[in-house]
């Protein structure tokens, strides 16, 4: 596996309570070692209360779907604003997930570069009173997603 081209970012104590690094680690746990075969916006998933939410689904070569659902409460939020795909140029297994620009650009990378680059808007709001961060759901591509 290649080395991480994106050094771990350190945010100030008033900027983040560990939510953003935890989201990156959770996403890494599910995608590293696999290929992304497709990406679907507005993919449905079932939330913790049994309702339906929509997010961006990364379908992997192992038949799993990893769905990123925007999160937030009041003035705190996390949202996927834009996604750039390089699936046509880089068809290699993912070796890591890194960030730049204060966790506003996420890089899902392989040994030849970024497979996917995501622009993420986020704010902790009134520090740590409200929830933020992505909800990440994982399921088989043929099943109804359950929140992870």
Protein backbone atom coordinates (compact mmCIF):
# COMPACT_ATOMS: atom_id res chain seq x y z
CA UNK A 1 0.00 0.00 0.00
CA UNK A 2 1.10 3.53 -0.64
CA UNK A 3 1.86 6.12 2.01
CA UNK A 4 -0.68 8.78 2.92
CA UNK A 5 -0.13 11.83 0.70
CA UNK A 6 -2.41 13.82 3.03
CA UNK A 7 -0.96 14.36 6.52
CA UNK A 8 -3.56 14.16 9.29
CA UNK A 9 -5.02 17.57 9.93
CA UNK A 10 -5.17 18.93 13.47
CA UNK A 11 -8.07 21.23 14.28
CA UNK A 12 -8.32 23.59 17.23
CA UNK A 13 -10.10 22.57 20.43
CA UNK A 14 -12.95 25.01 19.67
CA UNK A 15 -13.26 23.87 16.04
CA UNK A 16 -13.92 20.14 16.38
CA UNK A 17 -14.43 17.59 19.15
CA UNK A 18 -13.08 14.67 17.11
CA UNK A 19 -16.18 14.23 14.94
CA UNK A 20 -14.46 14.97 11.63
CA UNK A 21 -11.44 12.64 12.16
CA UNK A 22 -13.86 9.93 13.36
CA UNK A 23 -15.92 10.32 10.16
CA UNK A 24 -12.78 9.97 8.02
CA UNK A 25 -11.69 6.89 9.99
CA UNK A 26 -15.13 5.27 9.64
CA UNK A 27 -15.22 5.92 5.90
CA UNK A 28 -11.67 4.52 5.58
CA UNK A 29 -12.65 1.39 7.48
CA UNK A 30 -15.29 0.59 4.88
CA UNK A 31 -13.57 1.58 1.60
CA UNK A 32 -9.85 0.78 1.96
CA UNK A 33 -8.88 -2.30 -0.02
CA UNK A 34 -11.84 -2.00 -2.39
CA UNK A 35 -12.70 -0.28 -5.65
CA UNK A 36 -15.63 2.09 -6.10
CA UNK A 37 -17.74 0.79 -8.97
CA UNK A 38 -20.43 3.47 -8.92
CA UNK A 39 -21.64 6.54 -7.05
CA UNK A 40 -25.30 7.44 -6.61
CA UNK A 41 -26.65 10.71 -5.26
CA UNK A 42 -29.94 10.77 -3.33
CA UNK A 43 -29.62 7.10 -2.36
CA UNK A 44 -32.16 6.06 0.30
CA UNK A 45 -31.15 4.69 3.68
CA UNK A 46 -33.01 3.86 6.87
CA UNK A 47 -32.13 6.04 9.85
CA UNK A 48 -32.01 4.99 13.50
CA UNK A 49 -35.72 5.82 13.94
CA UNK A 50 -36.85 3.72 10.98
CA UNK A 51 -37.40 6.68 8.66
CA UNK A 52 -35.86 7.22 5.26
CA UNK A 53 -33.00 9.63 4.65
CA UNK A 54 -31.02 10.24 1.48
CA UNK A 55 -27.30 10.45 0.92
CA UNK A 56 -24.51 9.72 -1.51
CA UNK A 57 -23.85 5.99 -1.99
CA UNK A 58 -20.45 4.60 -2.89
CA UNK A 59 -20.99 1.09 -4.27
CA UNK A 60 -17.90 -1.04 -3.78
CA UNK A 61 -16.52 -4.05 -5.66
CA UNK A 62 -17.46 -6.32 -2.74
CA UNK A 63 -21.18 -5.58 -3.19
CA UNK A 64 -21.38 -3.17 -0.23
CA UNK A 65 -22.83 0.33 -0.38
CA UNK A 66 -21.38 3.00 1.87
CA UNK A 67 -23.86 5.87 2.15
CA UNK A 68 -22.85 9.30 3.44
CA UNK A 69 -25.87 11.15 4.83
CA UNK A 70 -25.50 14.84 5.61
CA UNK A 71 -25.85 15.53 9.32
CA UNK A 72 -26.63 18.46 11.50
CA UNK A 73 -28.71 20.10 14.14
CA UNK A 74 -29.53 23.79 14.41
CA UNK A 75 -26.37 25.77 13.54
CA UNK A 76 -24.05 22.73 13.37
CA UNK A 77 -23.92 20.72 10.14
CA UNK A 78 -21.94 18.55 7.75
CA UNK A 79 -22.85 18.35 4.08
CA UNK A 80 -21.41 16.88 0.91
CA UNK A 81 -21.34 19.85 -1.45
CA UNK A 82 -19.56 18.46 -4.52
CA UNK A 83 -17.91 15.28 -5.70
CA UNK A 84 -15.27 14.79 -8.39
CA UNK A 85 -14.86 11.30 -9.79
CA UNK A 86 -11.71 9.87 -11.33
CA UNK A 87 -13.08 6.34 -11.66
CA UNK A 88 -12.36 6.33 -15.39
CA UNK A 89 -8.65 7.15 -14.86
CA UNK A 90 -7.81 5.28 -11.67
CA UNK A 91 -9.09 1.73 -11.43
CA UNK A 92 -7.07 0.59 -8.42
CA UNK A 93 -7.94 -0.49 -4.91
CA UNK A 94 -8.37 2.35 -2.44
CA UNK A 95 -5.40 2.73 -0.10
CA UNK A 96 -6.71 5.51 2.14
CA UNK A 97 -8.85 8.54 2.89
CA UNK A 98 -7.28 11.88 3.71
CA UNK A 99 -8.34 15.50 4.04
CA UNK A 100 -7.05 18.96 3.28
CA UNK A 101 -8.21 22.53 3.89
CA UNK A 102 -9.57 21.95 7.39
CA UNK A 103 -11.56 18.81 6.54
CA UNK A 104 -13.37 20.60 3.71
CA UNK A 105 -11.73 18.52 0.95
CA UNK A 106 -11.76 14.74 1.37
CA UNK A 107 -9.57 12.55 -0.82
CA UNK A 108 -10.34 8.86 -1.37
CA UNK A 109 -7.07 7.77 -2.94
CA UNK A 110 -5.27 4.83 -4.52
CA UNK A 111 -1.61 4.39 -5.39
CA UNK A 112 -1.97 6.52 -8.56
CA UNK A 113 -3.88 9.42 -6.99
CA UNK A 114 -7.38 10.45 -5.97
CA UNK A 115 -10.19 8.12 -7.01
CA UNK A 116 -12.76 10.56 -5.58
CA UNK A 117 -12.47 14.09 -4.22
CA UNK A 118 -15.32 15.42 -2.10
CA UNK A 119 -16.00 19.01 -1.07
CA UNK A 120 -17.51 19.02 2.40
CA UNK A 121 -19.10 21.95 4.17
CA UNK A 122 -19.23 21.71 7.94
CA UNK A 123 -19.41 23.64 11.18
CA UNK A 124 -19.56 22.58 14.80
CA UNK A 125 -21.93 25.52 15.35
CA UNK A 126 -22.04 26.57 18.99
CA UNK A 127 -19.08 24.34 19.88
CA UNK A 128 -20.28 20.87 20.68
CA UNK A 129 -23.76 21.68 21.85
CA UNK A 130 -25.33 20.45 18.59
CA UNK A 131 -24.57 17.35 16.54
CA UNK A 132 -22.72 17.37 13.24
CA UNK A 133 -20.82 14.93 11.05
CA UNK A 134 -21.92 12.43 8.44
CA UNK A 135 -24.15 9.50 9.29
CA UNK A 136 -22.52 6.56 7.50
CA UNK A 137 -24.72 3.62 6.55
CA UNK A 138 -23.36 0.35 5.13
CA UNK A 139 -25.34 -2.45 3.51
CA UNK A 140 -25.31 -4.98 0.72
CA UNK A 141 -26.11 -3.31 -2.59
CA UNK A 142 -29.29 -5.36 -2.89
CA UNK A 143 -30.62 -4.72 0.62
CA UNK A 144 -32.28 -1.79 2.33
CA UNK A 145 -29.50 0.12 4.12
CA UNK A 146 -29.26 0.24 7.89
CA UNK A 147 -27.40 3.00 9.68
CA UNK A 148 -23.91 2.04 10.95
